[in-house]
Amino acid sequence: MTYIDLVNDVLVRLREDEVVNVTDNSYSKLIGKFVNDAKRQVEDAWNWNALRSTLTVTTSADVFNYELNGTESRFRVLDVVNDTSNFFMEQRTSSFFNDKFLNSTGAVETGDPLYYSFNGVSSDGDTLVDVYPIPNGVYSLRFNMVAPQAALSESADRLLVPSEPVILGAYARAIIERGEDGGLSSSEASALASNSLSDAIALDANHFPSELIWNEI
């Protein structure tokens, strides 16, 4: 569904007139805010199939810090693969990297990147990552991640996650904001939104049954 479809669906449930654009009036703008609030909550609730993507970092010799373009801070890593050398990379702590870079008495190791650690953000807000050993050439590192969609802003923007829990979540927020009006109570609307989200997660989780299995190490 598009942004305008979501907003109008909520407006109809509130017995309000539909709009042509989200910015048509102050109330449709408010509902648009509630839609994005609900969208964020739904996105953070599960590693949705629709939000999974792969970001590839190409290394250069003697450079250990790289920018994950377009990630900002709201993402979850599923795994990281050194695609050039064909193995999974392992995450290490900042202390591990500080020990390797600062406490080493000899030359810092170079070669195939085996480890990674997130280390701050760039000037435009993207996440920075350190890799070790320091690459001695060109390697393709694949970050498989769940990256939430940017906030909906244009009426034609299309939602990626399931629409029903977003609509019901925005509707519940709208009822709380305007007070009880003879329709559903805010608690009833919130319960419907919660149940819808649980159902959507259960359906999407069928694509990844192995991720629901806990293994003791």
Protein backbone atom coordinates (compact mmCIF):
# COMPACT_ATOMS: atom_id res chain seq x y z
CA MET A 1 0.00 0.00 0.00
CA THR A 2 1.04 3.58 -0.61
CA TYR A 3 1.39 6.27 2.05
CA ILE A 4 -1.83 7.94 0.94
CA ASP A 5 -3.67 4.59 0.98
CA LEU A 6 -2.57 3.99 4.56
CA VAL A 7 -3.59 7.47 5.71
CA ASN A 8 -7.00 7.22 4.02
CA ASP A 9 -7.62 3.78 5.51
CA VAL A 10 -7.07 5.24 8.97
CA LEU A 11 -9.23 8.28 8.20
CA VAL A 12 -12.14 6.07 7.09
CA ARG A 13 -11.92 4.10 10.37
CA LEU A 14 -12.09 7.43 12.19
CA ARG A 15 -15.14 8.43 10.11
CA GLU A 16 -13.22 11.31 8.54
CA ASP A 17 -13.14 12.42 4.91
CA GLU A 18 -10.45 10.91 2.72
CA VAL A 19 -7.77 13.18 1.21
CA VAL A 20 -5.94 13.34 -2.11
CA ASN A 21 -2.54 14.05 -0.56
CA VAL A 22 -1.23 13.34 2.92
CA THR A 23 -0.49 17.06 3.37
CA ASP A 24 -4.01 18.24 2.44
CA ASN A 25 -4.89 19.35 5.97
CA SER A 26 -3.52 19.37 9.51
CA TYR A 27 -5.39 16.23 10.53
CA SER A 28 -4.21 14.14 7.57
CA LYS A 29 -0.68 15.31 8.38
CA LEU A 30 -1.14 14.09 11.97
CA ILE A 31 -2.42 10.71 10.75
CA GLY A 32 0.63 10.55 8.49
CA LYS A 33 2.82 10.97 11.57
CA PHE A 34 0.94 8.16 13.32
CA VAL A 35 1.39 5.93 10.26
CA ASN A 36 5.17 6.44 10.36
CA ASP A 37 5.23 5.85 14.12
CA ALA A 38 3.37 2.57 13.68
CA LYS A 39 5.56 1.64 10.71
CA ARG A 40 8.69 2.05 12.83
CA GLN A 41 7.23 -0.11 15.59
CA VAL A 42 6.32 -2.87 13.14
CA GLU A 43 9.74 -2.75 11.48
CA ASP A 44 11.52 -3.10 14.82
CA ALA A 45 9.41 -6.08 15.89
CA TRP A 46 10.83 -8.70 13.51
CA ASN A 47 13.48 -9.34 10.83
CA TRP A 48 11.00 -8.95 7.98
CA ASN A 49 11.73 -10.66 4.67
CA ALA A 50 10.87 -7.45 2.81
CA LEU A 51 13.56 -5.50 4.68
CA ARG A 52 16.42 -7.96 4.14
CA SER A 53 19.21 -6.80 1.87
CA THR A 54 22.92 -7.20 1.24
CA LEU A 55 25.38 -4.33 1.34
CA THR A 56 28.76 -4.99 -0.27
CA VAL A 57 31.93 -3.29 0.93
CA THR A 58 34.97 -3.39 -1.36
CA THR A 59 38.20 -3.03 0.55
CA SER A 60 41.45 -1.32 -0.43
CA ALA A 61 44.95 -2.25 0.65
CA ASP A 62 45.99 -0.83 4.05
CA VAL A 63 42.53 0.66 4.79
CA PHE A 64 40.68 -0.83 7.79
CA ASN A 65 37.71 1.57 8.29
CA TYR A 66 34.73 1.59 5.88
CA GLU A 67 31.36 3.32 5.59
CA LEU A 68 28.19 1.26 5.26
CA ASN A 69 26.41 3.61 2.88
CA GLY A 70 22.71 4.15 3.49
CA THR A 71 22.56 2.27 6.79
CA GLU A 72 22.36 5.07 9.35
CA SER A 73 21.92 3.30 12.70
CA ARG A 74 18.66 1.33 12.42
CA PHE A 75 19.77 -2.01 11.04
CA ARG A 76 20.39 -5.52 12.28
CA VAL A 77 23.18 -7.71 10.92
CA LEU A 78 22.30 -11.28 10.01
CA ASP A 79 25.82 -12.30 9.03
CA VAL A 80 28.93 -10.95 7.31
CA VAL A 81 30.74 -12.89 4.58
CA ASN A 82 34.19 -12.39 3.14
CA ASP A 83 32.97 -13.28 -0.33
CA THR A 84 36.41 -13.16 -1.87
CA SER A 85 37.89 -15.75 0.49
CA ASN A 86 34.60 -17.60 1.12
CA PHE A 87 34.14 -17.58 4.89
CA PHE A 88 31.94 -15.94 7.51
CA MET A 89 33.50 -13.04 9.36
CA GLU A 90 33.14 -12.76 13.14
CA GLN A 91 32.21 -9.70 15.16
CA ARG A 92 34.68 -8.62 17.83
CA THR A 93 34.57 -5.99 20.58
CA SER A 94 36.11 -2.53 20.48
CA SER A 95 38.62 -3.73 23.10
CA PHE A 96 39.75 -6.52 20.76
CA PHE A 97 40.39 -4.00 17.98
CA ASN A 98 42.09 -1.52 20.30
CA ASP A 99 44.39 -4.28 21.46
CA LYS A 100 45.29 -5.25 17.89
CA PHE A 101 45.76 -1.67 16.65
CA LEU A 102 47.21 0.05 19.72
CA ASN A 103 48.81 -2.52 22.01
CA SER A 104 50.65 -4.56 19.42
CA THR A 105 54.42 -4.34 19.81
CA GLY A 106 55.10 -5.47 16.27
CA ALA A 107 53.62 -4.70 12.88
CA VAL A 108 49.84 -4.80 12.69
CA GLU A 109 48.69 -7.92 10.87
CA THR A 110 47.52 -7.61 7.28
CA GLY A 111 45.75 -10.12 5.05
CA ASP A 112 42.24 -11.56 4.66
CA PRO A 113 39.75 -9.63 6.84
CA LEU A 114 38.49 -12.08 9.50
CA TYR A 115 36.80 -9.80 12.04
CA TYR A 116 34.64 -6.69 12.09
CA SER A 117 33.55 -4.13 14.67
CA PHE A 118 31.22 -1.14 14.31
CA ASN A 119 33.01 2.08 15.18
CA GLY A 120 31.02 5.32 15.06
CA VAL A 121 29.20 7.06 12.24
CA SER A 122 30.19 9.18 9.25
CA SER A 123 29.41 12.88 8.81
CA ASP A 124 26.17 11.96 7.01
CA GLY A 125 25.07 9.50 9.69
CA ASP A 126 26.05 6.18 8.10
CA THR A 127 27.62 3.47 10.26
CA LEU A 128 31.39 2.95 10.11
CA VAL A 129 32.97 -0.48 10.48
CA ASP A 130 36.55 -1.58 11.20
CA VAL A 131 37.91 -4.83 9.80
CA TYR A 132 40.92 -6.92 10.88
CA PRO A 133 43.43 -8.03 9.76
CA ILE A 134 43.94 -4.86 7.74
CA PRO A 135 43.19 -5.79 4.11
CA ASN A 136 46.27 -6.32 1.94
CA GLY A 137 44.26 -5.91 -1.24
CA VAL A 138 40.76 -5.88 -2.69
CA TYR A 139 38.18 -8.03 -0.89
CA SER A 140 34.40 -8.13 -1.28
CA LEU A 141 32.70 -8.14 2.14
CA ARG A 142 28.96 -8.82 2.12
CA PHE A 143 26.90 -7.49 5.05
CA ASN A 144 23.58 -9.34 5.07
CA MET A 145 21.22 -7.22 7.12
CA VAL A 146 17.72 -6.10 7.95
CA ALA A 147 17.49 -2.38 7.13
CA PRO A 148 14.25 -0.49 7.90
CA GLN A 149 12.68 1.60 5.17
CA ALA A 150 13.06 5.38 5.35
CA ALA A 151 10.07 7.25 6.76
CA LEU A 152 7.22 7.59 4.28
CA SER A 153 7.05 11.18 3.02
CA GLU A 154 5.50 11.31 -0.45
CA SER A 155 1.91 10.19 -0.99
CA ALA A 156 3.05 7.61 -3.56
CA ASP A 157 5.70 6.05 -1.29
CA ARG A 158 4.99 2.33 -0.93
CA LEU A 159 5.14 0.50 2.40
CA LEU A 160 7.37 -2.60 2.52
CA VAL A 161 6.25 -4.28 5.76
CA PRO A 162 2.72 -5.71 6.22
CA SER A 163 0.12 -2.96 6.05
CA GLU A 164 -2.57 -4.15 8.48
CA PRO A 165 -0.54 -3.83 11.72
CA VAL A 166 0.66 -0.41 10.56
CA ILE A 167 -2.89 0.77 9.86
CA LEU A 168 -4.25 -0.59 13.14
CA GLY A 169 -1.29 0.82 15.06
CA ALA A 170 -1.87 4.27 13.57
CA TYR A 171 -5.60 3.97 14.26
CA ALA A 172 -4.95 3.13 17.93
CA ARG A 173 -2.68 6.17 18.24
CA ALA A 174 -5.34 8.37 16.65
CA ILE A 175 -8.01 7.18 19.10
CA ILE A 176 -5.70 7.87 22.03
CA GLU A 177 -5.03 11.36 20.68
CA ARG A 178 -8.65 12.34 20.05
CA GLY A 179 -10.23 10.49 22.98
CA GLU A 180 -13.09 8.00 23.02
CA ASP A 181 -15.71 8.86 20.39
CA GLY A 182 -18.27 6.08 20.55
CA GLY A 183 -16.24 3.65 18.44
CA LEU A 184 -13.55 1.28 19.64
CA SER A 185 -11.83 2.18 22.90
CA SER A 186 -8.10 2.90 22.74
CA SER A 187 -7.34 -0.34 24.61
CA GLU A 188 -9.42 -2.37 22.16
CA ALA A 189 -7.74 -0.72 19.17
CA SER A 190 -4.30 -1.30 20.68
CA ALA A 191 -5.13 -4.98 21.27
CA LEU A 192 -6.24 -5.36 17.63
CA ALA A 193 -2.98 -3.79 16.46
CA SER A 194 -0.94 -6.07 18.71
CA ASN A 195 -2.79 -9.20 17.52
CA SER A 196 -2.39 -8.16 13.89
CA LEU A 197 1.35 -7.67 14.37
CA SER A 198 1.69 -11.09 16.02
CA ASP A 199 -0.17 -12.75 13.14
CA ALA A 200 1.97 -10.96 10.53
CA ILE A 201 5.17 -12.03 12.28
CA ALA A 202 3.99 -15.63 12.46
CA LEU A 203 3.29 -15.66 8.72
CA ASP A 204 6.61 -14.05 7.78
CA ALA A 205 8.53 -16.32 10.16
CA ASN A 206 7.42 -19.33 8.10
CA HIS A 207 9.99 -18.26 5.52
CA PHE A 208 12.81 -18.63 8.08
CA PRO A 209 12.00 -21.58 10.38
CA SER A 210 15.65 -22.11 11.32
CA GLU A 211 15.81 -18.65 12.87
CA LEU A 212 13.20 -19.69 15.44
CA ILE A 213 15.31 -22.58 16.74
CA TRP A 214 17.49 -21.91 19.76
CA ASN A 215 20.65 -24.01 19.97
CA GLU A 216 22.82 -24.35 23.04
CA ILE A 217 26.49 -23.62 22.43
